[in-house]
Amino acid sequence: MSRRGSRGFTLVEVLVALMVVAMGLAALMVAVSGTARTSGYLRDKTLAQWMALNRISEVRLNLIKFGQNADTGEISFANRTWHYDTRYFDTSIPTMKRVVVRVYAGDAKTKGNALAESTGFLGSALSPLGSSNVDWTLGATPATAGAAPGTTPGAAPVTPPNGTTPVPVTPTPPTPTPTPPTPNSTPRFNP
């Protein structure tokens, strides 16, 4: 047996193998940290979107009265501090305003880009007294158009326990409502 066939790796071969493994592990770490960073960003963006929609709901419910064109505030949510910027814009309909809410991570002193922006509308042009009194039974599908409200088409009528006969309800045709004109451009604001 010759000595040449039984010798091991040289120091150069071991160093080259270690360099290849080190570069592979570095690439893997970059991919894992990028995935974790993206996951955290998407979590923050989702929470910010929820807060923006909640803020629009507060404005619509008149929990927060608006007299100025903008208001700001801070929220403590999900063990973090956030701040929002609410702006009110006039529309072509005098009784309606456009509400834009932007939510940022951190307190009001923290600068940065908004994580979420939501737009809503409020005013008496949307519905009487700001309530939703839409009759959703109007415009029913043909299969349910002849059925009384609360009944299943083709089912036998249910007699109330007191022996009275239910009175069929005749839907009234909807009145057409004018659609508001859409502006060619929407104003943007800089916080």
C-alpha atoms as a PDB file:
ATOM      1  CA  MET A   1       0.000   0.000   0.000  1.00  0.00           C
ATOM      2  CA  SER A   2       1.364   3.364  -0.957  1.00  0.00           C
ATOM      3  CA  ARG A   3       1.440   6.341   1.328  1.00  0.00           C
ATOM      4  CA  ARG A   4       0.030   8.552  -1.374  1.00  0.00           C
ATOM      5  CA  GLY A   5      -3.463   6.927  -1.352  1.00  0.00           C
ATOM      6  CA  SER A   6      -3.884   7.113   2.429  1.00  0.00           C
ATOM      7  CA  ARG A   7      -3.164  10.748   3.099  1.00  0.00           C
ATOM      8  CA  GLY A   8      -5.897  13.196   4.393  1.00  0.00           C
ATOM      9  CA  PHE A   9      -7.072  16.657   3.387  1.00  0.00           C
ATOM     10  CA  THR A  10      -4.618  19.496   3.106  1.00  0.00           C
ATOM     11  CA  LEU A  11      -5.046  22.663   5.109  1.00  0.00           C
ATOM     12  CA  VAL A  12      -6.014  24.607   1.963  1.00  0.00           C
ATOM     13  CA  GLU A  13      -8.807  22.125   1.126  1.00  0.00           C
ATOM     14  CA  VAL A  14     -10.214  22.371   4.664  1.00  0.00           C
ATOM     15  CA  LEU A  15     -10.173  26.199   4.535  1.00  0.00           C
ATOM     16  CA  VAL A  16     -11.954  26.219   1.152  1.00  0.00           C
ATOM     17  CA  ALA A  17     -14.644  23.863   2.509  1.00  0.00           C
ATOM     18  CA  LEU A  18     -15.131  26.060   5.581  1.00  0.00           C
ATOM     19  CA  MET A  19     -15.467  29.174   3.385  1.00  0.00           C
ATOM     20  CA  VAL A  20     -18.188  27.493   1.286  1.00  0.00           C
ATOM     21  CA  VAL A  21     -20.111  26.465   4.438  1.00  0.00           C
ATOM     22  CA  ALA A  22     -19.720  29.955   5.962  1.00  0.00           C
ATOM     23  CA  MET A  23     -21.081  31.672   2.834  1.00  0.00           C
ATOM     24  CA  GLY A  24     -24.050  29.280   2.745  1.00  0.00           C
ATOM     25  CA  LEU A  25     -24.861  29.946   6.409  1.00  0.00           C
ATOM     26  CA  ALA A  26     -24.568  33.716   5.887  1.00  0.00           C
ATOM     27  CA  ALA A  27     -27.029  33.573   2.985  1.00  0.00           C
ATOM     28  CA  LEU A  28     -29.412  31.502   5.107  1.00  0.00           C
ATOM     29  CA  MET A  29     -29.234  34.015   7.962  1.00  0.00           C
ATOM     30  CA  VAL A  30     -29.974  36.916   5.593  1.00  0.00           C
ATOM     31  CA  ALA A  31     -33.047  35.073   4.267  1.00  0.00           C
ATOM     32  CA  VAL A  32     -34.323  34.238   7.774  1.00  0.00           C
ATOM     33  CA  SER A  33     -33.846  37.798   9.070  1.00  0.00           C
ATOM     34  CA  GLY A  34     -35.581  39.215   5.975  1.00  0.00           C
ATOM     35  CA  THR A  35     -38.559  36.933   6.566  1.00  0.00           C
ATOM     36  CA  ALA A  36     -38.749  37.958  10.239  1.00  0.00           C
ATOM     37  CA  ARG A  37     -38.509  41.657   9.317  1.00  0.00           C
ATOM     38  CA  THR A  38     -41.281  41.291   6.704  1.00  0.00           C
ATOM     39  CA  SER A  39     -43.481  39.446   9.182  1.00  0.00           C
ATOM     40  CA  GLY A  40     -43.063  42.228  11.756  1.00  0.00           C
ATOM     41  CA  TYR A  41     -43.808  44.916   9.168  1.00  0.00           C
ATOM     42  CA  LEU A  42     -46.987  43.144   8.045  1.00  0.00           C
ATOM     43  CA  ARG A  43     -48.110  42.764  11.681  1.00  0.00           C
ATOM     44  CA  ASP A  44     -47.590  46.495  12.291  1.00  0.00           C
ATOM     45  CA  LYS A  45     -49.337  47.407   9.037  1.00  0.00           C
ATOM     46  CA  THR A  46     -52.353  45.249   9.945  1.00  0.00           C
ATOM     47  CA  LEU A  47     -52.634  46.780  13.417  1.00  0.00           C
ATOM     48  CA  ALA A  48     -52.328  50.287  11.963  1.00  0.00           C
ATOM     49  CA  GLN A  49     -55.082  49.548   9.427  1.00  0.00           C
ATOM     50  CA  TRP A  50     -57.372  48.355  12.226  1.00  0.00           C
ATOM     51  CA  MET A  51     -56.733  51.542  14.192  1.00  0.00           C
ATOM     52  CA  ALA A  52     -57.400  53.719  11.133  1.00  0.00           C
ATOM     53  CA  LEU A  53     -60.726  51.981  10.494  1.00  0.00           C
ATOM     54  CA  ASN A  54     -61.634  52.272  14.189  1.00  0.00           C
ATOM     55  CA  ARG A  55     -60.881  55.997  14.047  1.00  0.00           C
ATOM     56  CA  ILE A  56     -63.174  56.433  11.027  1.00  0.00           C
ATOM     57  CA  SER A  57     -65.904  54.568  12.923  1.00  0.00           C
ATOM     58  CA  GLU A  58     -65.457  56.906  15.914  1.00  0.00           C
ATOM     59  CA  VAL A  59     -65.813  59.924  13.659  1.00  0.00           C
ATOM     60  CA  ARG A  60     -68.905  58.470  11.964  1.00  0.00           C
ATOM     61  CA  LEU A  61     -70.526  57.731  15.318  1.00  0.00           C
ATOM     62  CA  ASN A  62     -69.839  61.325  16.347  1.00  0.00           C
ATOM     63  CA  LEU A  63     -67.856  60.157  19.361  1.00  0.00           C
ATOM     64  CA  ILE A  64     -65.290  62.728  18.318  1.00  0.00           C
ATOM     65  CA  LYS A  65     -66.779  66.038  17.224  1.00  0.00           C
ATOM     66  CA  PHE A  66     -64.909  67.750  14.444  1.00  0.00           C
ATOM     67  CA  GLY A  67     -64.737  71.479  14.251  1.00  0.00           C
ATOM     68  CA  GLN A  68     -61.309  71.907  12.751  1.00  0.00           C
ATOM     69  CA  ASN A  69     -59.899  70.451   9.557  1.00  0.00           C
ATOM     70  CA  ALA A  70     -57.493  68.149  11.385  1.00  0.00           C
ATOM     71  CA  ASP A  71     -56.949  66.441  14.680  1.00  0.00           C
ATOM     72  CA  THR A  72     -54.227  64.193  16.028  1.00  0.00           C
ATOM     73  CA  GLY A  73     -53.876  61.854  18.945  1.00  0.00           C
ATOM     74  CA  GLU A  74     -52.021  58.943  20.478  1.00  0.00           C
ATOM     75  CA  ILE A  75     -53.249  55.404  21.049  1.00  0.00           C
ATOM     76  CA  SER A  76     -51.825  52.627  23.200  1.00  0.00           C
ATOM     77  CA  PHE A  77     -52.599  49.394  21.349  1.00  0.00           C
ATOM     78  CA  ALA A  78     -50.927  45.954  21.309  1.00  0.00           C
ATOM     79  CA  ASN A  79     -48.425  47.036  23.989  1.00  0.00           C
ATOM     80  CA  ARG A  80     -47.138  49.836  21.756  1.00  0.00           C
ATOM     81  CA  THR A  81     -47.739  53.531  21.268  1.00  0.00           C
ATOM     82  CA  TRP A  82     -49.187  54.774  17.967  1.00  0.00           C
ATOM     83  CA  HIS A  83     -50.292  58.177  16.767  1.00  0.00           C
ATOM     84  CA  TYR A  84     -52.854  59.168  14.178  1.00  0.00           C
ATOM     85  CA  ASP A  85     -53.638  62.165  12.032  1.00  0.00           C
ATOM     86  CA  THR A  86     -57.266  62.733  10.999  1.00  0.00           C
ATOM     87  CA  ARG A  87     -58.032  65.231   8.240  1.00  0.00           C
ATOM     88  CA  TYR A  88     -61.427  66.439   7.009  1.00  0.00           C
ATOM     89  CA  PHE A  89     -61.900  67.589   3.429  1.00  0.00           C
ATOM     90  CA  ASP A  90     -64.895  69.230   1.770  1.00  0.00           C
ATOM     91  CA  THR A  91     -66.542  67.416  -1.109  1.00  0.00           C
ATOM     92  CA  SER A  92     -68.709  68.592  -3.966  1.00  0.00           C
ATOM     93  CA  ILE A  93     -71.736  67.766  -1.784  1.00  0.00           C
ATOM     94  CA  PRO A  94     -72.078  70.485   0.873  1.00  0.00           C
ATOM     95  CA  THR A  95     -73.444  68.167   3.576  1.00  0.00           C
ATOM     96  CA  MET A  96     -70.715  65.552   3.202  1.00  0.00           C
ATOM     97  CA  LYS A  97     -67.039  65.471   4.197  1.00  0.00           C
ATOM     98  CA  ARG A  98     -64.210  63.122   3.273  1.00  0.00           C
ATOM     99  CA  VAL A  99     -62.235  61.831   6.253  1.00  0.00           C
ATOM    100  CA  VAL A 100     -58.646  60.626   5.832  1.00  0.00           C
ATOM    101  CA  VAL A 101     -56.906  58.901   8.744  1.00  0.00           C
ATOM    102  CA  ARG A 102     -53.207  58.073   8.782  1.00  0.00           C
ATOM    103  CA  VAL A 103     -51.634  55.931  11.518  1.00  0.00           C
ATOM    104  CA  TYR A 104     -47.933  56.025  12.448  1.00  0.00           C
ATOM    105  CA  ALA A 105     -45.848  53.825  14.750  1.00  0.00           C
ATOM    106  CA  GLY A 106     -44.480  55.528  17.873  1.00  0.00           C
ATOM    107  CA  ASP A 107     -45.556  58.636  19.722  1.00  0.00           C
ATOM    108  CA  ALA A 108     -46.372  61.974  18.107  1.00  0.00           C
ATOM    109  CA  LYS A 109     -42.726  63.078  18.226  1.00  0.00           C
ATOM    110  CA  THR A 110     -41.633  60.115  16.111  1.00  0.00           C
ATOM    111  CA  LYS A 111     -41.214  60.971  12.450  1.00  0.00           C
ATOM    112  CA  GLY A 112     -41.705  58.489   9.637  1.00  0.00           C
ATOM    113  CA  ASN A 113     -44.039  57.291   6.956  1.00  0.00           C
ATOM    114  CA  ALA A 114     -47.605  56.316   7.743  1.00  0.00           C
ATOM    115  CA  LEU A 115     -48.130  52.575   8.120  1.00  0.00           C
ATOM    116  CA  ALA A 116     -51.799  52.808   7.114  1.00  0.00           C
ATOM    117  CA  GLU A 117     -54.188  55.280   5.536  1.00  0.00           C
ATOM    118  CA  SER A 118     -57.965  54.903   5.399  1.00  0.00           C
ATOM    119  CA  THR A 119     -60.572  57.109   3.787  1.00  0.00           C
ATOM    120  CA  GLY A 120     -64.234  57.409   4.728  1.00  0.00           C
ATOM    121  CA  PHE A 121     -67.144  59.758   4.214  1.00  0.00           C
ATOM    122  CA  LEU A 122     -69.621  61.257   6.655  1.00  0.00           C
ATOM    123  CA  GLY A 123     -72.498  63.657   6.584  1.00  0.00           C
ATOM    124  CA  SER A 124     -76.239  63.856   6.186  1.00  0.00           C
ATOM    125  CA  ALA A 125     -76.013  63.118   2.447  1.00  0.00           C
ATOM    126  CA  LEU A 126     -75.128  59.507   3.249  1.00  0.00           C
ATOM    127  CA  SER A 127     -78.258  58.661   5.232  1.00  0.00           C
ATOM    128  CA  PRO A 128     -80.780  60.503   7.393  1.00  0.00           C
ATOM    129  CA  LEU A 129     -79.406  61.502  10.800  1.00  0.00           C
ATOM    130  CA  GLY A 130     -76.223  59.547  10.166  1.00  0.00           C
ATOM    131  CA  SER A 131     -77.947  56.201  10.697  1.00  0.00           C
ATOM    132  CA  SER A 132     -78.129  53.216   8.411  1.00  0.00           C
ATOM    133  CA  ASN A 133     -81.798  52.613   7.785  1.00  0.00           C
ATOM    134  CA  VAL A 134     -81.457  50.868   4.443  1.00  0.00           C
ATOM    135  CA  ASP A 135     -84.154  48.293   3.652  1.00  0.00           C
ATOM    136  CA  TRP A 136     -82.035  45.342   2.534  1.00  0.00           C
ATOM    137  CA  THR A 137     -85.134  43.342   1.506  1.00  0.00           C
ATOM    138  CA  LEU A 138     -85.556  45.534  -1.558  1.00  0.00           C
ATOM    139  CA  GLY A 139     -83.894  44.313  -4.712  1.00  0.00           C
ATOM    140  CA  ALA A 140     -84.246  40.663  -3.725  1.00  0.00           C
ATOM    141  CA  THR A 141     -83.345  37.904  -6.148  1.00  0.00           C
ATOM    142  CA  PRO A 142     -86.141  36.453  -8.339  1.00  0.00           C
ATOM    143  CA  ALA A 143     -86.290  33.266  -6.230  1.00  0.00           C
ATOM    144  CA  THR A 144     -87.094  35.224  -3.077  1.00  0.00           C
ATOM    145  CA  ALA A 145     -88.999  38.159  -4.609  1.00  0.00           C
ATOM    146  CA  GLY A 146     -92.442  36.617  -3.951  1.00  0.00           C
ATOM    147  CA  ALA A 147     -91.615  35.325  -0.483  1.00  0.00           C
ATOM    148  CA  ALA A 148     -92.641  37.195   2.609  1.00  0.00           C
ATOM    149  CA  PRO A 149     -89.813  38.556   4.745  1.00  0.00           C
ATOM    150  CA  GLY A 150     -88.511  35.958   7.163  1.00  0.00           C
ATOM    151  CA  THR A 151     -89.824  32.988   5.166  1.00  0.00           C
ATOM    152  CA  THR A 152     -88.179  30.495   2.908  1.00  0.00           C
ATOM    153  CA  PRO A 153     -89.477  30.311  -0.701  1.00  0.00           C
ATOM    154  CA  GLY A 154     -91.513  27.152  -1.313  1.00  0.00           C
ATOM    155  CA  ALA A 155     -91.959  26.440   2.409  1.00  0.00           C
ATOM    156  CA  ALA A 156     -95.361  26.089   4.039  1.00  0.00           C
ATOM    157  CA  PRO A 157     -96.460  29.232   5.890  1.00  0.00           C
ATOM    158  CA  VAL A 158     -96.003  29.157   9.635  1.00  0.00           C
ATOM    159  CA  THR A 159     -99.066  29.973  11.716  1.00  0.00           C
ATOM    160  CA  PRO A 160     -98.346  32.032  14.810  1.00  0.00           C
ATOM    161  CA  PRO A 161     -99.259  30.401  18.154  1.00  0.00           C
ATOM    162  CA  ASN A 162    -102.094  32.850  18.857  1.00  0.00           C
ATOM    163  CA  GLY A 163    -103.971  31.734  15.712  1.00  0.00           C
ATOM    164  CA  THR A 164    -103.676  35.001  13.784  1.00  0.00           C
ATOM    165  CA  THR A 165    -102.841  34.928  10.100  1.00  0.00           C
ATOM    166  CA  PRO A 166     -99.632  36.652   9.052  1.00  0.00           C
ATOM    167  CA  VAL A 167    -100.100  39.673   6.807  1.00  0.00           C
ATOM    168  CA  PRO A 168     -97.950  39.623   3.642  1.00  0.00           C
ATOM    169  CA  VAL A 169     -95.669  42.614   3.231  1.00  0.00           C
ATOM    170  CA  THR A 170     -95.538  44.240  -0.186  1.00  0.00           C
ATOM    171  CA  PRO A 171     -92.146  45.827  -0.845  1.00  0.00           C
ATOM    172  CA  THR A 172     -92.152  49.397  -2.112  1.00  0.00           C
ATOM    173  CA  PRO A 173     -89.980  50.201  -5.114  1.00  0.00           C
ATOM    174  CA  PRO A 174     -86.746  51.955  -4.220  1.00  0.00           C
ATOM    175  CA  THR A 175     -86.399  55.625  -4.989  1.00  0.00           C
ATOM    176  CA  PRO A 176     -83.370  56.437  -7.106  1.00  0.00           C
ATOM    177  CA  THR A 177     -80.670  58.358  -5.314  1.00  0.00           C
ATOM    178  CA  PRO A 178     -78.268  60.619  -7.173  1.00  0.00           C
ATOM    179  CA  THR A 179     -74.688  59.467  -7.205  1.00  0.00           C
ATOM    180  CA  PRO A 180     -72.123  62.044  -6.151  1.00  0.00           C
ATOM    181  CA  PRO A 181     -69.704  63.166  -8.849  1.00  0.00           C
ATOM    182  CA  THR A 182     -66.197  61.805  -8.502  1.00  0.00           C
ATOM    183  CA  PRO A 183     -63.396  64.368  -8.489  1.00  0.00           C
ATOM    184  CA  ASN A 184     -60.648  64.011 -11.057  1.00  0.00           C
ATOM    185  CA  SER A 185     -57.969  64.245  -8.410  1.00  0.00           C
ATOM    186  CA  THR A 186     -57.893  63.729  -4.701  1.00  0.00           C
ATOM    187  CA  PRO A 187     -56.048  66.248  -2.514  1.00  0.00           C
ATOM    188  CA  ARG A 188     -53.120  64.871  -0.558  1.00  0.00           C
ATOM    189  CA  PHE A 189     -51.711  66.276   2.604  1.00  0.00           C
ATOM    190  CA  ASN A 190     -48.316  66.180   4.163  1.00  0.00           C
ATOM    191  CA  PRO A 191     -48.217  65.503   7.890  1.00  0.00           C
END
